[in-house]
Amino acid sequence: MDVLKIVVTVLEVIASVALILVVLMQSGKEAGLSGAISGNSDSYMNKTGSGLDKTLASATKWIALVWILLTLGLSLIP
């Protein structure tokens, strides 16, 4: 079990670093919170940006999902 825990921990560290890098590479949104309140159409889920922005948004979702699953799995390993 110790080997499994070490492997999952290493995978979680890799996923954490990848998630940080992908989020930092995304372009900033000028509107910020005021755009979300006023109903800005260029939102995160709308993905109307460039091809790179779409790819980074999709990668962020998948890496975050992997990170969550690894965290839950790590908490279940005795």
Protein backbone atom coordinates (compact mmCIF):
# COMPACT_ATOMS: atom_id res chain seq x y z
CA MET A 1 0.00 0.00 0.00
CA ASP A 2 2.88 2.36 0.60
CA VAL A 3 3.99 2.09 -3.02
CA LEU A 4 0.46 2.86 -4.24
CA LYS A 5 0.25 5.89 -1.99
CA ILE A 6 3.61 7.17 -3.23
CA VAL A 7 2.58 6.70 -6.88
CA VAL A 8 -0.73 8.51 -6.39
CA THR A 9 1.02 11.31 -4.48
CA VAL A 10 3.56 11.79 -7.29
CA LEU A 11 0.74 11.84 -9.87
CA GLU A 12 -1.12 14.41 -7.79
CA VAL A 13 1.96 16.64 -7.60
CA ILE A 14 2.36 16.41 -11.38
CA ALA A 15 -1.32 17.24 -11.87
CA SER A 16 -1.02 20.16 -9.45
CA VAL A 17 1.94 21.67 -11.28
CA ALA A 18 0.22 21.13 -14.64
CA LEU A 19 -2.95 22.82 -13.39
CA ILE A 20 -0.99 25.81 -12.10
CA LEU A 21 0.88 26.16 -15.40
CA VAL A 22 -2.27 25.88 -17.54
CA VAL A 23 -4.10 28.48 -15.46
CA LEU A 24 -1.16 30.88 -15.61
CA MET A 25 -0.90 30.52 -19.39
CA GLN A 26 -4.52 31.59 -19.94
CA SER A 27 -5.16 35.12 -21.11
CA GLY A 28 -6.61 37.50 -18.56
CA LYS A 29 -10.16 38.74 -18.73
CA GLU A 30 -10.37 42.53 -18.59
CA ALA A 31 -13.95 42.66 -17.38
CA GLY A 32 -13.34 40.62 -14.24
CA LEU A 33 -16.11 40.44 -11.67
CA SER A 34 -17.96 43.47 -13.06
CA GLY A 35 -18.33 41.65 -16.40
CA ALA A 36 -19.79 38.62 -14.67
CA ILE A 37 -22.34 40.73 -12.80
CA SER A 38 -23.39 42.76 -15.84
CA GLY A 39 -23.73 39.64 -18.00
CA ASN A 40 -20.67 39.76 -20.22
CA SER A 41 -21.15 37.32 -23.10
CA ASP A 42 -17.44 36.44 -23.29
CA SER A 43 -17.46 34.16 -20.29
CA TYR A 44 -15.34 31.15 -19.40
CA MET A 45 -17.99 28.63 -20.37
CA ASN A 46 -18.81 30.40 -23.63
CA LYS A 47 -15.27 29.93 -24.97
CA THR A 48 -15.46 32.53 -27.74
CA GLY A 49 -11.73 33.29 -27.62
CA SER A 50 -8.91 32.08 -29.82
CA GLY A 51 -7.97 28.47 -30.42
CA LEU A 52 -5.32 28.55 -27.71
CA ASP A 53 -7.80 29.92 -25.18
CA LYS A 54 -10.25 27.13 -26.02
CA THR A 55 -7.54 24.51 -25.67
CA LEU A 56 -6.32 25.91 -22.36
CA ALA A 57 -9.87 26.12 -20.98
CA SER A 58 -10.52 22.51 -21.94
CA ALA A 59 -7.18 21.39 -20.50
CA THR A 60 -7.94 23.21 -17.25
CA LYS A 61 -11.22 21.34 -16.87
CA TRP A 62 -9.70 17.93 -17.52
CA ILE A 63 -6.61 18.45 -15.37
CA ALA A 64 -8.80 19.74 -12.54
CA LEU A 65 -11.00 16.65 -12.84
CA VAL A 66 -7.94 14.37 -12.70
CA TRP A 67 -6.62 16.31 -9.71
CA ILE A 68 -9.92 15.95 -7.85
CA LEU A 69 -10.07 12.22 -8.56
CA LEU A 70 -6.47 11.75 -7.42
CA THR A 71 -7.18 13.69 -4.23
CA LEU A 72 -10.24 11.59 -3.48
CA GLY A 73 -8.33 8.40 -4.26
CA LEU A 74 -5.45 9.46 -2.04
CA SER A 75 -7.83 10.10 0.83
CA LEU A 76 -9.27 6.59 0.50
CA ILE A 77 -5.91 4.80 0.56
CA PRO A 78 -5.17 3.63 4.11
